[in-house]
Amino acid sequence: MDFVHAFDAWVQKASHANAGESVSRLRLLYELHCNGPRKMADLADSLGVTPRNVTALVDALEAEEQVRRVAHASDRRITMVEITGGSRAVEQGMEAFRLAIAELFSDVSEADREAFGRVLASIGPRITE
């Protein structure tokens, strides 16, 4: 548990320091960047959070004009969320976060990184179940 708490704290610090976003906000923006406009419920499912959490994230990002809510093209009852042209900023944020992770592992030997990759590959499917 010490590792889980320490790594979570590092992720939160690194994402905010390097990308200016929380991990949750960065994940939501990346989801929209990669998959285009999405329904709020679909975002909640993709991100593994509650619809209430997505609403709070979208509210904050909308206030900063990073996303906007729009009506669905064929069903006005559905609200879609889309990125507001900030794709370049999302890419830069993700790249900054990727570089921070690379820096974290920079002193780890190649053999240890490969072993770590094998461990992650073997437990990954159980984590995402």
N, C-alpha and C. Protein backbone atom coordinates (compact mmCIF):
# COMPACT_ATOMS: atom_id res chain seq x y z
N MET A 1 0.82 -1.20 0.00
CA MET A 1 0.00 0.00 0.00
C MET A 1 0.86 1.26 0.00
N ASP A 2 2.04 1.17 0.60
CA ASP A 2 2.92 2.34 0.59
C ASP A 2 3.24 2.75 -0.84
N PHE A 3 3.53 1.74 -1.69
CA PHE A 3 3.84 2.04 -3.08
C PHE A 3 2.63 2.69 -3.77
N VAL A 4 1.46 2.14 -3.57
CA VAL A 4 0.25 2.66 -4.21
C VAL A 4 0.04 4.13 -3.84
N HIS A 5 0.14 4.44 -2.58
CA HIS A 5 -0.04 5.82 -2.14
C HIS A 5 1.06 6.74 -2.67
N ALA A 6 2.30 6.27 -2.62
CA ALA A 6 3.41 7.10 -3.10
C ALA A 6 3.30 7.34 -4.60
N PHE A 7 3.00 6.27 -5.36
CA PHE A 7 2.90 6.43 -6.80
C PHE A 7 1.72 7.32 -7.18
N ASP A 8 0.60 7.15 -6.50
CA ASP A 8 -0.56 8.00 -6.76
C ASP A 8 -0.22 9.47 -6.50
N ALA A 9 0.46 9.74 -5.41
CA ALA A 9 0.87 11.11 -5.10
C ALA A 9 1.81 11.64 -6.17
N TRP A 10 2.76 10.80 -6.62
CA TRP A 10 3.68 11.22 -7.68
C TRP A 10 2.92 11.54 -8.96
N VAL A 11 1.98 10.68 -9.35
CA VAL A 11 1.20 10.89 -10.57
C VAL A 11 0.44 12.21 -10.49
N GLN A 12 -0.20 12.46 -9.37
CA GLN A 12 -0.95 13.71 -9.22
C GLN A 12 -0.03 14.91 -9.33
N LYS A 13 1.10 14.84 -8.66
CA LYS A 13 2.07 15.95 -8.68
C LYS A 13 2.65 16.13 -10.09
N ALA A 14 3.06 15.04 -10.72
CA ALA A 14 3.69 15.12 -12.05
C ALA A 14 2.71 15.61 -13.10
N SER A 15 1.49 15.13 -13.06
CA SER A 15 0.52 15.55 -14.08
C SER A 15 0.21 17.03 -13.93
N HIS A 16 0.06 17.49 -12.72
CA HIS A 16 -0.27 18.90 -12.52
C HIS A 16 0.93 19.80 -12.82
N ALA A 17 2.12 19.39 -12.39
CA ALA A 17 3.31 20.21 -12.61
C ALA A 17 3.68 20.28 -14.08
N ASN A 18 3.54 19.17 -14.79
CA ASN A 18 4.00 19.12 -16.18
C ASN A 18 2.92 19.44 -17.19
N ALA A 19 1.69 19.10 -16.89
CA ALA A 19 0.62 19.31 -17.86
C ALA A 19 -0.38 20.37 -17.40
N GLY A 20 -0.27 20.79 -16.15
CA GLY A 20 -1.20 21.78 -15.64
C GLY A 20 -2.60 21.25 -15.41
N GLU A 21 -2.74 19.95 -15.38
CA GLU A 21 -4.05 19.32 -15.24
C GLU A 21 -3.97 18.21 -14.21
N SER A 22 -5.11 17.89 -13.62
CA SER A 22 -5.17 16.68 -12.80
C SER A 22 -5.21 15.49 -13.74
N VAL A 23 -4.92 14.33 -13.23
CA VAL A 23 -4.95 13.12 -14.05
C VAL A 23 -6.36 12.91 -14.61
N SER A 24 -7.37 13.11 -13.79
CA SER A 24 -8.75 12.91 -14.25
C SER A 24 -9.10 13.84 -15.40
N ARG A 25 -8.73 15.10 -15.27
CA ARG A 25 -9.01 16.07 -16.33
C ARG A 25 -8.22 15.73 -17.59
N LEU A 26 -6.98 15.35 -17.43
CA LEU A 26 -6.15 14.99 -18.57
C LEU A 26 -6.71 13.76 -19.28
N ARG A 27 -7.16 12.77 -18.51
CA ARG A 27 -7.75 11.57 -19.11
C ARG A 27 -9.02 11.91 -19.89
N LEU A 28 -9.86 12.78 -19.34
CA LEU A 28 -11.09 13.17 -20.03
C LEU A 28 -10.76 13.90 -21.33
N LEU A 29 -9.85 14.84 -21.27
CA LEU A 29 -9.45 15.57 -22.48
C LEU A 29 -8.83 14.64 -23.51
N TYR A 30 -8.02 13.70 -23.05
CA TYR A 30 -7.40 12.75 -23.97
C TYR A 30 -8.45 11.86 -24.62
N GLU A 31 -9.43 11.44 -23.86
CA GLU A 31 -10.53 10.62 -24.40
C GLU A 31 -11.26 11.36 -25.52
N LEU A 32 -11.55 12.63 -25.28
CA LEU A 32 -12.22 13.44 -26.31
C LEU A 32 -11.30 13.67 -27.51
N HIS A 33 -10.05 13.90 -27.23
CA HIS A 33 -9.06 14.13 -28.30
C HIS A 33 -8.96 12.92 -29.21
N CYS A 34 -8.91 11.73 -28.62
CA CYS A 34 -8.72 10.50 -29.40
C CYS A 34 -10.00 9.99 -30.04
N ASN A 35 -11.14 10.18 -29.39
CA ASN A 35 -12.38 9.56 -29.84
C ASN A 35 -13.46 10.53 -30.28
N GLY A 36 -13.18 11.82 -30.23
CA GLY A 36 -14.16 12.80 -30.66
C GLY A 36 -15.24 13.02 -29.63
N PRO A 37 -16.27 13.79 -29.99
CA PRO A 37 -17.35 14.09 -29.04
C PRO A 37 -17.97 12.82 -28.47
N ARG A 38 -18.30 12.88 -27.18
CA ARG A 38 -18.84 11.70 -26.49
C ARG A 38 -20.01 12.10 -25.62
N LYS A 39 -20.89 11.14 -25.38
CA LYS A 39 -21.97 11.33 -24.41
C LYS A 39 -21.34 11.28 -23.02
N MET A 40 -21.96 12.00 -22.09
CA MET A 40 -21.44 12.03 -20.72
C MET A 40 -21.38 10.62 -20.13
N ALA A 41 -22.42 9.82 -20.35
CA ALA A 41 -22.45 8.46 -19.82
C ALA A 41 -21.32 7.61 -20.40
N ASP A 42 -21.05 7.80 -21.68
CA ASP A 42 -19.96 7.06 -22.32
C ASP A 42 -18.61 7.48 -21.75
N LEU A 43 -18.46 8.76 -21.46
CA LEU A 43 -17.22 9.24 -20.83
C LEU A 43 -17.05 8.60 -19.47
N ALA A 44 -18.12 8.54 -18.69
CA ALA A 44 -18.05 7.93 -17.37
C ALA A 44 -17.60 6.48 -17.48
N ASP A 45 -18.18 5.74 -18.43
CA ASP A 45 -17.80 4.34 -18.63
C ASP A 45 -16.34 4.22 -19.04
N SER A 46 -15.92 5.02 -20.00
CA SER A 46 -14.54 4.96 -20.51
C SER A 46 -13.52 5.28 -19.43
N LEU A 47 -13.86 6.23 -18.58
CA LEU A 47 -12.93 6.67 -17.56
C LEU A 47 -13.05 5.87 -16.26
N GLY A 48 -14.11 5.06 -16.16
CA GLY A 48 -14.30 4.26 -14.95
C GLY A 48 -14.66 5.09 -13.74
N VAL A 49 -15.43 6.16 -13.97
CA VAL A 49 -15.87 7.02 -12.88
C VAL A 49 -17.39 7.14 -12.93
N THR A 50 -17.95 7.78 -11.93
CA THR A 50 -19.39 7.96 -11.89
C THR A 50 -19.80 9.11 -12.80
N PRO A 51 -21.04 9.09 -13.27
CA PRO A 51 -21.53 10.23 -14.06
C PRO A 51 -21.40 11.55 -13.31
N ARG A 52 -21.58 11.53 -12.01
CA ARG A 52 -21.44 12.75 -11.20
C ARG A 52 -20.02 13.31 -11.31
N ASN A 53 -19.01 12.42 -11.30
CA ASN A 53 -17.63 12.88 -11.45
C ASN A 53 -17.39 13.49 -12.82
N VAL A 54 -17.97 12.88 -13.85
CA VAL A 54 -17.81 13.43 -15.21
C VAL A 54 -18.46 14.80 -15.28
N THR A 55 -19.62 14.95 -14.68
CA THR A 55 -20.30 16.25 -14.69
C THR A 55 -19.42 17.32 -14.05
N ALA A 56 -18.81 16.99 -12.92
CA ALA A 56 -17.93 17.96 -12.24
C ALA A 56 -16.72 18.29 -13.11
N LEU A 57 -16.12 17.28 -13.72
CA LEU A 57 -14.97 17.52 -14.60
C LEU A 57 -15.36 18.38 -15.79
N VAL A 58 -16.48 18.04 -16.43
CA VAL A 58 -16.93 18.80 -17.60
C VAL A 58 -17.29 20.23 -17.20
N ASP A 59 -17.95 20.41 -16.06
CA ASP A 59 -18.28 21.76 -15.59
C ASP A 59 -17.02 22.61 -15.48
N ALA A 60 -15.98 22.06 -14.85
CA ALA A 60 -14.74 22.81 -14.66
C ALA A 60 -14.05 23.08 -15.99
N LEU A 61 -13.98 22.07 -16.85
CA LEU A 61 -13.33 22.26 -18.15
C LEU A 61 -14.12 23.20 -19.05
N GLU A 62 -15.43 23.17 -18.91
CA GLU A 62 -16.27 24.08 -19.70
C GLU A 62 -16.08 25.52 -19.23
N ALA A 63 -15.96 25.71 -17.92
CA ALA A 63 -15.72 27.06 -17.39
C ALA A 63 -14.41 27.64 -17.90
N GLU A 64 -13.44 26.75 -18.19
CA GLU A 64 -12.15 27.18 -18.73
C GLU A 64 -12.12 27.15 -20.26
N GLU A 65 -13.28 26.88 -20.85
CA GLU A 65 -13.45 26.84 -22.31
C GLU A 65 -12.56 25.81 -22.99
N GLN A 66 -12.31 24.70 -22.29
CA GLN A 66 -11.55 23.60 -22.88
C GLN A 66 -12.47 22.58 -23.53
N VAL A 67 -13.71 22.49 -23.05
CA VAL A 67 -14.73 21.63 -23.65
C VAL A 67 -16.03 22.41 -23.72
N ARG A 68 -16.99 21.87 -24.47
CA ARG A 68 -18.33 22.46 -24.48
C ARG A 68 -19.35 21.34 -24.64
N ARG A 69 -20.52 21.63 -24.13
CA ARG A 69 -21.64 20.71 -24.29
C ARG A 69 -22.40 21.12 -25.55
N VAL A 70 -22.77 20.14 -26.36
CA VAL A 70 -23.55 20.40 -27.57
C VAL A 70 -24.65 19.35 -27.68
N ALA A 71 -25.69 19.70 -28.40
CA ALA A 71 -26.79 18.76 -28.62
C ALA A 71 -26.35 17.66 -29.58
N HIS A 72 -26.84 16.47 -29.35
CA HIS A 72 -26.60 15.34 -30.24
C HIS A 72 -27.22 15.66 -31.60
N ALA A 73 -26.60 15.22 -32.67
CA ALA A 73 -27.06 15.55 -34.02
C ALA A 73 -28.46 15.03 -34.31
N SER A 74 -28.82 13.87 -33.78
CA SER A 74 -30.13 13.30 -34.13
C SER A 74 -31.06 13.10 -32.94
N ASP A 75 -30.57 13.27 -31.72
CA ASP A 75 -31.40 13.09 -30.53
C ASP A 75 -31.14 14.23 -29.56
N ARG A 76 -32.01 15.19 -29.55
CA ARG A 76 -31.80 16.40 -28.74
C ARG A 76 -31.82 16.12 -27.25
N ARG A 77 -32.27 14.94 -26.84
CA ARG A 77 -32.27 14.60 -25.42
C ARG A 77 -30.86 14.29 -24.92
N ILE A 78 -29.96 14.00 -25.85
CA ILE A 78 -28.60 13.60 -25.49
C ILE A 78 -27.67 14.80 -25.60
N THR A 79 -26.87 14.98 -24.56
CA THR A 79 -25.86 16.04 -24.57
C THR A 79 -24.50 15.41 -24.85
N MET A 80 -23.81 15.97 -25.81
CA MET A 80 -22.48 15.52 -26.16
C MET A 80 -21.46 16.49 -25.57
N VAL A 81 -20.27 16.00 -25.33
CA VAL A 81 -19.17 16.84 -24.86
C VAL A 81 -18.10 16.78 -25.94
N GLU A 82 -17.60 17.95 -26.31
CA GLU A 82 -16.54 17.99 -27.32
C GLU A 82 -15.45 18.93 -26.87
N ILE A 83 -14.26 18.66 -27.36
CA ILE A 83 -13.11 19.50 -27.07
C ILE A 83 -13.25 20.77 -27.91
N THR A 84 -12.79 21.88 -27.39
CA THR A 84 -13.00 23.16 -28.07
C THR A 84 -11.76 23.65 -28.81
N GLY A 85 -11.20 22.79 -29.60
CA GLY A 85 -10.07 23.21 -30.41
C GLY A 85 -8.75 23.20 -29.69
N GLY A 86 -8.74 22.67 -28.46
CA GLY A 86 -7.50 22.64 -27.70
C GLY A 86 -6.74 21.35 -27.85
N SER A 87 -6.87 20.67 -28.98
CA SER A 87 -6.19 19.39 -29.16
C SER A 87 -4.69 19.52 -29.00
N ARG A 88 -4.14 20.59 -29.49
CA ARG A 88 -2.69 20.79 -29.38
C ARG A 88 -2.27 20.87 -27.92
N ALA A 89 -3.07 21.55 -27.11
CA ALA A 89 -2.77 21.66 -25.69
C ALA A 89 -2.86 20.29 -25.01
N VAL A 90 -3.83 19.47 -25.42
CA VAL A 90 -3.96 18.12 -24.86
C VAL A 90 -2.73 17.30 -25.23
N GLU A 91 -2.31 17.37 -26.48
CA GLU A 91 -1.12 16.64 -26.91
C GLU A 91 0.11 17.08 -26.12
N GLN A 92 0.25 18.37 -25.91
CA GLN A 92 1.39 18.88 -25.16
C GLN A 92 1.33 18.41 -23.71
N GLY A 93 0.15 18.41 -23.12
CA GLY A 93 -0.01 17.93 -21.75
C GLY A 93 0.33 16.47 -21.62
N MET A 94 -0.15 15.65 -22.55
CA MET A 94 0.15 14.22 -22.51
C MET A 94 1.65 13.97 -22.73
N GLU A 95 2.26 14.72 -23.63
CA GLU A 95 3.69 14.56 -23.88
C GLU A 95 4.50 14.95 -22.64
N ALA A 96 4.11 16.02 -21.98
CA ALA A 96 4.81 16.43 -20.75
C ALA A 96 4.69 15.35 -19.69
N PHE A 97 3.51 14.76 -19.58
CA PHE A 97 3.29 13.69 -18.61
C PHE A 97 4.11 12.45 -18.98
N ARG A 98 4.15 12.11 -20.27
CA ARG A 98 4.94 10.97 -20.73
C ARG A 98 6.42 11.17 -20.41
N LEU A 99 6.92 12.39 -20.63
CA LEU A 99 8.32 12.69 -20.32
C LEU A 99 8.61 12.59 -18.83
N ALA A 100 7.65 12.98 -18.00
CA ALA A 100 7.83 12.86 -16.55
C ALA A 100 7.93 11.39 -16.15
N ILE A 101 7.12 10.54 -16.76
CA ILE A 101 7.18 9.10 -16.48
C ILE A 101 8.52 8.54 -16.96
N ALA A 102 8.96 8.96 -18.15
CA ALA A 102 10.26 8.50 -18.65
C ALA A 102 11.37 8.90 -17.70
N GLU A 103 11.30 10.11 -17.17
CA GLU A 103 12.31 10.58 -16.22
C GLU A 103 12.29 9.74 -14.94
N LEU A 104 11.10 9.36 -14.49
CA LEU A 104 10.97 8.53 -13.30
C LEU A 104 11.72 7.21 -13.46
N PHE A 105 11.69 6.65 -14.67
CA PHE A 105 12.33 5.36 -14.93
C PHE A 105 13.72 5.50 -15.54
N SER A 106 14.25 6.70 -15.63
CA SER A 106 15.52 6.91 -16.33
C SER A 106 16.70 6.20 -15.68
N ASP A 107 16.68 6.02 -14.38
CA ASP A 107 17.80 5.36 -13.69
C ASP A 107 17.59 3.86 -13.53
N VAL A 108 16.50 3.35 -14.06
CA VAL A 108 16.21 1.91 -13.97
C VAL A 108 16.85 1.23 -15.18
N SER A 109 17.52 0.14 -14.93
CA SER A 109 18.21 -0.56 -16.03
C SER A 109 17.21 -1.06 -17.07
N GLU A 110 17.71 -1.26 -18.28
CA GLU A 110 16.86 -1.76 -19.36
C GLU A 110 16.28 -3.13 -19.00
N ALA A 111 17.10 -3.98 -18.39
CA ALA A 111 16.63 -5.32 -18.00
C ALA A 111 15.50 -5.22 -16.98
N ASP A 112 15.64 -4.30 -16.01
CA ASP A 112 14.58 -4.12 -15.01
C ASP A 112 13.31 -3.54 -15.63
N ARG A 113 13.47 -2.61 -16.58
CA ARG A 113 12.29 -2.05 -17.27
C ARG A 113 11.58 -3.13 -18.06
N GLU A 114 12.34 -3.99 -18.73
CA GLU A 114 11.72 -5.09 -19.48
C GLU A 114 11.00 -6.05 -18.55
N ALA A 115 11.61 -6.36 -17.40
CA ALA A 115 10.97 -7.25 -16.42
C ALA A 115 9.69 -6.61 -15.89
N PHE A 116 9.76 -5.32 -15.61
CA PHE A 116 8.58 -4.59 -15.13
C PHE A 116 7.48 -4.62 -16.19
N GLY A 117 7.85 -4.46 -17.45
CA GLY A 117 6.89 -4.52 -18.55
C GLY A 117 6.22 -5.88 -18.62
N ARG A 118 6.99 -6.93 -18.41
CA ARG A 118 6.41 -8.29 -18.42
C ARG A 118 5.43 -8.47 -17.26
N VAL A 119 5.79 -7.96 -16.10
CA VAL A 119 4.90 -8.06 -14.93
C VAL A 119 3.59 -7.31 -15.22
N LEU A 120 3.71 -6.10 -15.74
CA LEU A 120 2.50 -5.33 -16.05
C LEU A 120 1.64 -6.03 -17.09
N ALA A 121 2.28 -6.61 -18.10
CA ALA A 121 1.53 -7.32 -19.13
C ALA A 121 0.80 -8.53 -18.56
N SER A 122 1.41 -9.18 -17.59
CA SER A 122 0.78 -10.38 -17.04
C SER A 122 -0.36 -10.04 -16.07
N ILE A 123 -0.24 -8.94 -15.33
CA ILE A 123 -1.32 -8.61 -14.39
C ILE A 123 -2.33 -7.62 -14.97
N GLY A 124 -1.98 -6.97 -16.06
CA GLY A 124 -2.86 -5.96 -16.66
C GLY A 124 -4.28 -6.42 -16.90
N PRO A 125 -4.48 -7.59 -17.52
CA PRO A 125 -5.84 -8.04 -17.76
C PRO A 125 -6.67 -8.22 -16.47
N ARG A 126 -6.03 -8.62 -15.39
CA ARG A 126 -6.76 -8.80 -14.12
C ARG A 126 -7.11 -7.46 -13.50
N ILE A 127 -6.28 -6.45 -13.73
CA ILE A 127 -6.53 -5.12 -13.16
C ILE A 127 -7.73 -4.47 -13.85
N THR A 128 -7.85 -4.67 -15.15
CA THR A 128 -8.91 -4.00 -15.91
C THR A 128 -10.22 -4.76 -15.94
N GLU A 129 -10.30 -5.89 -15.25
CA GLU A 129 -11.55 -6.67 -15.25
C GLU A 129 -12.64 -5.96 -14.51
